[in-house]
Amino acid sequence: MTPAAFRQMALALPGVVERAHMDRHAFRVRIIFATLAADGCSANLKLTRDEQELHSERLESVVAPVSGGWGRMGWTTVMLDRIGDDDMAILLAGAHREGS
């Protein structure tokens, strides 16, 4: 998954707009549901805690909770160079639901 492919997938979801957010690119509907790191290596997605746990176990070396309190709220880091399109589509769909 490249940063450009991630951006394209996120923007293809209904109602999504992209805005700058601190040092990241943020994708939002009602609220931010995903951010892309400035270096393009990772993305953070807002998942439910159940989705976060499921995908962290299923994709152990690819997906992990953000450290600290943000992770306990469902924010999850995804390593872009380690994830395929199908898995990213599943994760983005879950995050998009959280942001709608």
C-alpha atoms as a PDB file:
ATOM      1  CA  MET A   1       0.000   0.000   0.000  1.00  0.00           C
ATOM      2  CA  THR A   2       1.440   3.337  -1.037  1.00  0.00           C
ATOM      3  CA  PRO A   3       0.496   6.683   0.516  1.00  0.00           C
ATOM      4  CA  ALA A   4      -1.177   7.637  -2.783  1.00  0.00           C
ATOM      5  CA  ALA A   5      -3.228   4.423  -2.805  1.00  0.00           C
ATOM      6  CA  PHE A   6      -4.253   5.009   0.829  1.00  0.00           C
ATOM      7  CA  ARG A   7      -5.318   8.573   0.025  1.00  0.00           C
ATOM      8  CA  GLN A   8      -7.305   7.395  -3.005  1.00  0.00           C
ATOM      9  CA  MET A   9      -9.084   4.681  -0.975  1.00  0.00           C
ATOM     10  CA  ALA A  10      -9.933   7.074   1.851  1.00  0.00           C
ATOM     11  CA  LEU A  11     -11.234   9.800  -0.469  1.00  0.00           C
ATOM     12  CA  ALA A  12     -13.377   7.278  -2.376  1.00  0.00           C
ATOM     13  CA  LEU A  13     -15.506   6.694   0.735  1.00  0.00           C
ATOM     14  CA  PRO A  14     -18.772   8.688   0.912  1.00  0.00           C
ATOM     15  CA  GLY A  15     -18.504  12.272   2.179  1.00  0.00           C
ATOM     16  CA  VAL A  16     -14.780  12.219   2.936  1.00  0.00           C
ATOM     17  CA  VAL A  17     -12.671  15.359   2.799  1.00  0.00           C
ATOM     18  CA  GLU A  18      -8.941  15.720   3.386  1.00  0.00           C
ATOM     19  CA  ARG A  19      -7.461  18.455   5.552  1.00  0.00           C
ATOM     20  CA  ALA A  20      -4.124  19.132   7.181  1.00  0.00           C
ATOM     21  CA  HIS A  21      -4.010  18.156  10.854  1.00  0.00           C
ATOM     22  CA  MET A  22      -0.812  19.008  12.706  1.00  0.00           C
ATOM     23  CA  ASP A  23       1.945  17.184  10.753  1.00  0.00           C
ATOM     24  CA  ARG A  24      -0.460  14.691   9.140  1.00  0.00           C
ATOM     25  CA  HIS A  25      -3.103  14.533   6.434  1.00  0.00           C
ATOM     26  CA  ALA A  26      -6.513  13.965   8.052  1.00  0.00           C
ATOM     27  CA  PHE A  27      -9.542  12.312   6.484  1.00  0.00           C
ATOM     28  CA  ARG A  28     -12.937  13.079   7.915  1.00  0.00           C
ATOM     29  CA  VAL A  29     -16.654  12.884   7.425  1.00  0.00           C
ATOM     30  CA  ARG A  30     -18.194  14.270  10.620  1.00  0.00           C
ATOM     31  CA  ILE A  31     -14.988  13.719  12.613  1.00  0.00           C
ATOM     32  CA  ILE A  32     -11.463  12.584  11.737  1.00  0.00           C
ATOM     33  CA  PHE A  33     -11.391   8.834  11.155  1.00  0.00           C
ATOM     34  CA  ALA A  34      -7.941   8.435   9.576  1.00  0.00           C
ATOM     35  CA  THR A  35      -4.636  10.247   9.347  1.00  0.00           C
ATOM     36  CA  LEU A  36      -1.658   9.692   7.080  1.00  0.00           C
ATOM     37  CA  ALA A  37       1.825  10.310   8.467  1.00  0.00           C
ATOM     38  CA  ALA A  38       3.899  12.985   6.719  1.00  0.00           C
ATOM     39  CA  ASP A  39       6.531  10.380   5.810  1.00  0.00           C
ATOM     40  CA  GLY A  40       3.866   8.130   4.245  1.00  0.00           C
ATOM     41  CA  CYS A  41       4.990   5.067   6.186  1.00  0.00           C
ATOM     42  CA  SER A  42       1.928   4.661   8.377  1.00  0.00           C
ATOM     43  CA  ALA A  43      -1.669   5.664   8.885  1.00  0.00           C
ATOM     44  CA  ASN A  44      -3.706   5.942  12.062  1.00  0.00           C
ATOM     45  CA  LEU A  45      -7.329   4.806  11.962  1.00  0.00           C
ATOM     46  CA  LYS A  46     -10.130   5.245  14.512  1.00  0.00           C
ATOM     47  CA  LEU A  47     -11.632   1.803  15.067  1.00  0.00           C
ATOM     48  CA  THR A  48     -13.912   0.384  17.721  1.00  0.00           C
ATOM     49  CA  ARG A  49     -11.983  -1.362  20.481  1.00  0.00           C
ATOM     50  CA  ASP A  50     -13.349  -4.722  19.248  1.00  0.00           C
ATOM     51  CA  GLU A  51     -12.186  -4.046  15.683  1.00  0.00           C
ATOM     52  CA  GLN A  52      -8.830  -2.844  16.969  1.00  0.00           C
ATOM     53  CA  GLU A  53      -8.309  -6.031  18.977  1.00  0.00           C
ATOM     54  CA  LEU A  54      -9.454  -8.301  16.140  1.00  0.00           C
ATOM     55  CA  HIS A  55      -7.244  -6.705  13.488  1.00  0.00           C
ATOM     56  CA  SER A  56      -4.237  -6.329  15.813  1.00  0.00           C
ATOM     57  CA  GLU A  57      -4.338 -10.082  16.418  1.00  0.00           C
ATOM     58  CA  ARG A  58      -5.117 -10.989  12.799  1.00  0.00           C
ATOM     59  CA  LEU A  59      -2.468  -8.693  11.295  1.00  0.00           C
ATOM     60  CA  GLU A  60       0.033  -8.776  14.152  1.00  0.00           C
ATOM     61  CA  SER A  61       3.061  -7.213  12.443  1.00  0.00           C
ATOM     62  CA  VAL A  62       0.957  -4.694  10.516  1.00  0.00           C
ATOM     63  CA  VAL A  63      -1.664  -3.262  12.883  1.00  0.00           C
ATOM     64  CA  ALA A  64      -1.233  -2.126  16.503  1.00  0.00           C
ATOM     65  CA  PRO A  65      -2.961   0.221  18.934  1.00  0.00           C
ATOM     66  CA  VAL A  66      -1.421   3.682  19.164  1.00  0.00           C
ATOM     67  CA  SER A  67       0.446   3.897  22.467  1.00  0.00           C
ATOM     68  CA  GLY A  68      -1.190   5.432  25.512  1.00  0.00           C
ATOM     69  CA  GLY A  69      -4.637   6.916  25.804  1.00  0.00           C
ATOM     70  CA  TRP A  70      -5.199   7.352  22.076  1.00  0.00           C
ATOM     71  CA  GLY A  71      -4.879   3.600  21.610  1.00  0.00           C
ATOM     72  CA  ARG A  72      -7.356   2.945  24.411  1.00  0.00           C
ATOM     73  CA  MET A  73      -9.832   5.114  22.447  1.00  0.00           C
ATOM     74  CA  GLY A  74      -9.462   2.872  19.387  1.00  0.00           C
ATOM     75  CA  TRP A  75      -6.768   4.751  17.460  1.00  0.00           C
ATOM     76  CA  THR A  76      -4.759   2.156  15.589  1.00  0.00           C
ATOM     77  CA  THR A  77      -1.525   2.393  13.583  1.00  0.00           C
ATOM     78  CA  VAL A  78      -1.241   0.570  10.255  1.00  0.00           C
ATOM     79  CA  MET A  79       2.113   0.063   8.535  1.00  0.00           C
ATOM     80  CA  LEU A  80       1.350   0.850   4.897  1.00  0.00           C
ATOM     81  CA  ASP A  81       4.166  -1.137   3.308  1.00  0.00           C
ATOM     82  CA  ARG A  82       2.931  -4.320   5.029  1.00  0.00           C
ATOM     83  CA  ILE A  83      -0.792  -4.275   4.242  1.00  0.00           C
ATOM     84  CA  GLY A  84      -2.690  -5.317   1.140  1.00  0.00           C
ATOM     85  CA  ASP A  85      -5.554  -3.495  -0.547  1.00  0.00           C
ATOM     86  CA  ASP A  86      -8.278  -5.850   0.702  1.00  0.00           C
ATOM     87  CA  ASP A  87      -7.239  -5.600   4.351  1.00  0.00           C
ATOM     88  CA  MET A  88      -6.868  -1.822   4.097  1.00  0.00           C
ATOM     89  CA  ALA A  89     -10.338  -1.545   2.571  1.00  0.00           C
ATOM     90  CA  ILE A  90     -11.775  -3.454   5.551  1.00  0.00           C
ATOM     91  CA  LEU A  91      -9.953  -1.236   8.051  1.00  0.00           C
ATOM     92  CA  LEU A  92     -10.900   1.992   6.280  1.00  0.00           C
ATOM     93  CA  ALA A  93     -14.562   0.945   6.107  1.00  0.00           C
ATOM     94  CA  GLY A  94     -14.582   0.374   9.869  1.00  0.00           C
ATOM     95  CA  ALA A  95     -12.869   3.685  10.545  1.00  0.00           C
ATOM     96  CA  HIS A  96     -15.217   5.501   8.160  1.00  0.00           C
ATOM     97  CA  ARG A  97     -18.212   4.188  10.146  1.00  0.00           C
ATOM     98  CA  GLU A  98     -16.601   5.634  13.294  1.00  0.00           C
ATOM     99  CA  GLY A  99     -16.147   9.012  11.596  1.00  0.00           C
ATOM    100  CA  SER A 100     -19.639   9.273  10.140  1.00  0.00           C
END
